[in-house]
Every structure is written in C-alpha cells, then in structure tokens.
Amino acid sequence: MAKPFGELIYTQEQAPGEAISKAETHTPKIEAPDKVKAGEPFKVTIKVGPHEMRDVHSIRRLELYIYEEGRPFNPIHVATIHFGPEYTEAEATLTLKLKKNSVLYAISYCNLHGLWEARKEIKVE
C-alpha cells in the first residue's frame, strides 16, 4: 500500500531497521544562528557526511525549505543544490533573510539510501 511521501523521509529520530546505521552520515547538518534580526541577511551552511562521493554512491542533492510562523501555506522552497559525484562535497552555504520565527528544513538525497531530513528553529527579533 502506498504511504504518504513524508513517511519515506528518514530522520535522526526515525530511521527504521538498518537505516538507523546510516543516520550519522546521511542526515544534513544545519549551521545557522539561533536568533536573527528580521530582514537582515545571515549565512546558513548545510553539510552531509562524512559521505563518499563516488558514481555508485553519493549525495546527489540538498533541498532547503522554510516553515514560516503564521504563514497560511508552508513550507517555502528556498533552494535545491545538485552535486556531481567525484568532484564535489555535499556542502552548501546560502544567505537567507527571515521575516518571522521559522524552522529550516534540509533534505538530502543519497542515490543508495534515500531521503534524510534535518531541521533547525530560528527566532526572529
């Protein structure tokens, strides 16, 4: 039976069976401040790994979404970064601006081990 798509995304807290052994090397790590000022740019770095980046096994994509407090329709897609194996590392830095308290959601895609999610709350002053 078909599952809702969200049930197919692994997290550090929810990775069944042998997937739990892949959590450390596949879950994105979000580096960003805990608090920012409304409308002011700040840096966000997303990393996955250590993870090999070979043709047969690599992180192929990172996606970043924002869940903005009080917005009627969430999440907001912010970026998709594609990685080619062999020549890249699964890391990206973006500059964001937020208006309201938000949660960043990063999704990584490994061609062998599927989709992995991380999230980080950011307070806006």
Protein backbone atom coordinates (compact mmCIF):
# COMPACT_ATOMS: atom_id res chain seq x y z
CA MET A 1 0.00 0.00 0.00
CA ALA A 2 1.24 3.48 -0.83
CA LYS A 3 2.49 5.60 2.06
CA PRO A 4 2.36 9.40 2.30
CA PHE A 5 5.59 10.81 0.91
CA GLY A 6 6.59 12.29 4.28
CA GLU A 7 6.76 8.78 5.76
CA LEU A 8 9.52 7.93 3.26
CA ILE A 9 11.92 10.57 4.59
CA TYR A 10 14.34 9.40 7.29
CA THR A 11 15.38 11.48 10.29
CA GLN A 12 17.85 11.04 13.16
CA GLU A 13 14.84 10.21 15.36
CA GLN A 14 13.04 7.97 12.90
CA ALA A 15 15.00 5.61 10.70
CA PRO A 16 13.72 2.02 10.75
CA GLY A 17 15.77 -1.15 10.56
CA GLU A 18 19.23 -0.89 9.06
CA ALA A 19 18.58 2.73 8.00
CA ILE A 20 19.39 3.88 11.55
CA SER A 21 23.02 2.90 10.95
CA LYS A 22 23.13 5.45 8.09
CA ALA A 23 21.75 8.39 10.09
CA GLU A 24 25.08 9.97 11.07
CA THR A 25 26.48 10.04 7.53
CA HIS A 26 23.27 10.91 5.66
CA THR A 27 21.37 13.39 7.85
CA PRO A 28 22.10 17.01 6.88
CA LYS A 29 23.73 19.24 9.48
CA ILE A 30 22.45 22.82 9.51
CA GLU A 31 24.80 25.52 10.76
CA ALA A 32 22.91 28.77 11.37
CA PRO A 33 22.38 31.26 14.18
CA ASP A 34 19.67 30.54 16.76
CA LYS A 35 18.46 34.16 16.55
CA VAL A 36 18.48 36.71 13.72
CA LYS A 37 17.10 40.18 13.11
CA ALA A 38 14.08 40.50 10.83
CA GLY A 39 15.08 41.18 7.22
CA GLU A 40 18.85 41.04 7.86
CA PRO A 41 20.93 38.61 5.81
CA PHE A 42 22.66 35.70 7.56
CA LYS A 43 24.60 32.64 6.44
CA VAL A 44 23.34 29.06 6.56
CA THR A 45 25.64 26.13 5.81
CA ILE A 46 24.31 22.65 5.17
CA LYS A 47 26.66 19.67 5.20
CA VAL A 48 26.18 15.95 4.81
CA GLY A 49 28.76 13.46 5.89
CA PRO A 50 31.38 12.38 6.03
CA HIS A 51 29.97 10.63 2.96
CA GLU A 52 31.68 9.20 -0.08
CA MET A 53 31.01 10.97 -3.36
CA ARG A 54 31.51 8.27 -5.99
CA ASP A 55 29.39 7.49 -9.06
CA VAL A 56 27.96 4.39 -7.40
CA HIS A 57 27.19 6.04 -4.04
CA SER A 58 26.89 9.74 -3.32
CA ILE A 59 24.77 12.59 -2.03
CA ARG A 60 23.20 13.95 -5.21
CA ARG A 61 21.05 16.78 -3.89
CA LEU A 62 20.26 19.08 -0.97
CA GLU A 63 16.97 20.95 -0.68
CA LEU A 64 16.17 23.75 1.76
CA TYR A 65 12.69 24.73 2.90
CA ILE A 66 11.42 27.31 5.39
CA TYR A 67 8.37 26.88 7.59
CA GLU A 68 7.39 30.46 8.50
CA GLU A 69 5.31 31.03 11.62
CA GLY A 70 1.85 32.39 10.82
CA ARG A 71 2.04 31.77 7.06
CA PRO A 72 -1.11 30.05 5.77
CA PHE A 73 0.74 27.74 3.36
CA ASN A 74 4.06 26.16 4.28
CA PRO A 75 6.78 25.20 3.57
CA ILE A 76 8.54 27.66 1.27
CA HIS A 77 11.06 26.08 -1.11
CA VAL A 78 14.27 28.13 -0.91
CA ALA A 79 16.93 26.19 -2.81
CA THR A 80 17.92 22.95 -4.49
CA ILE A 81 21.63 22.24 -4.87
CA HIS A 82 22.73 19.39 -7.13
CA PHE A 83 26.08 17.64 -6.66
CA GLY A 84 28.05 15.71 -9.22
CA PRO A 85 29.97 12.73 -7.86
CA GLU A 86 33.76 12.62 -7.75
CA TYR A 87 34.34 16.41 -7.93
CA THR A 88 32.16 17.82 -5.15
CA GLU A 89 31.49 17.54 -1.44
CA ALA A 90 27.93 17.62 -0.10
CA GLU A 91 28.11 21.11 1.39
CA ALA A 92 26.45 24.41 0.51
CA THR A 93 26.31 27.88 2.06
CA LEU A 94 23.37 30.20 1.42
CA THR A 95 22.46 33.70 2.53
CA LEU A 96 18.90 33.99 3.86
CA LYS A 97 16.64 36.70 5.26
CA LEU A 98 13.68 35.86 7.51
CA LYS A 99 10.65 37.93 8.46
CA LYS A 100 9.21 35.78 11.27
CA ASN A 101 10.18 32.91 13.55
CA SER A 102 10.90 29.99 11.26
CA VAL A 103 12.08 26.41 11.01
CA LEU A 104 14.65 25.47 8.37
CA TYR A 105 14.23 22.01 6.85
CA ALA A 106 17.12 20.49 4.93
CA ILE A 107 16.59 17.34 2.88
CA SER A 108 19.50 15.33 1.46
CA TYR A 109 19.19 12.65 -1.20
CA CYS A 110 21.60 9.71 -1.36
CA ASN A 111 21.29 7.62 -4.51
CA LEU A 112 21.50 4.42 -2.42
CA HIS A 113 19.97 5.34 0.94
CA GLY A 114 17.15 7.73 0.10
CA LEU A 115 15.96 10.99 1.64
CA TRP A 116 17.11 12.35 5.02
CA GLU A 117 15.78 15.37 6.91
CA ALA A 118 17.16 17.79 9.49
CA ARG A 119 15.55 20.89 10.95
CA LYS A 120 16.58 23.97 12.90
CA GLU A 121 14.40 26.57 14.60
CA ILE A 122 15.41 30.21 14.22
CA LYS A 123 13.93 33.00 16.29
CA VAL A 124 13.47 36.37 14.58
CA GLU A 125 13.76 39.58 16.61
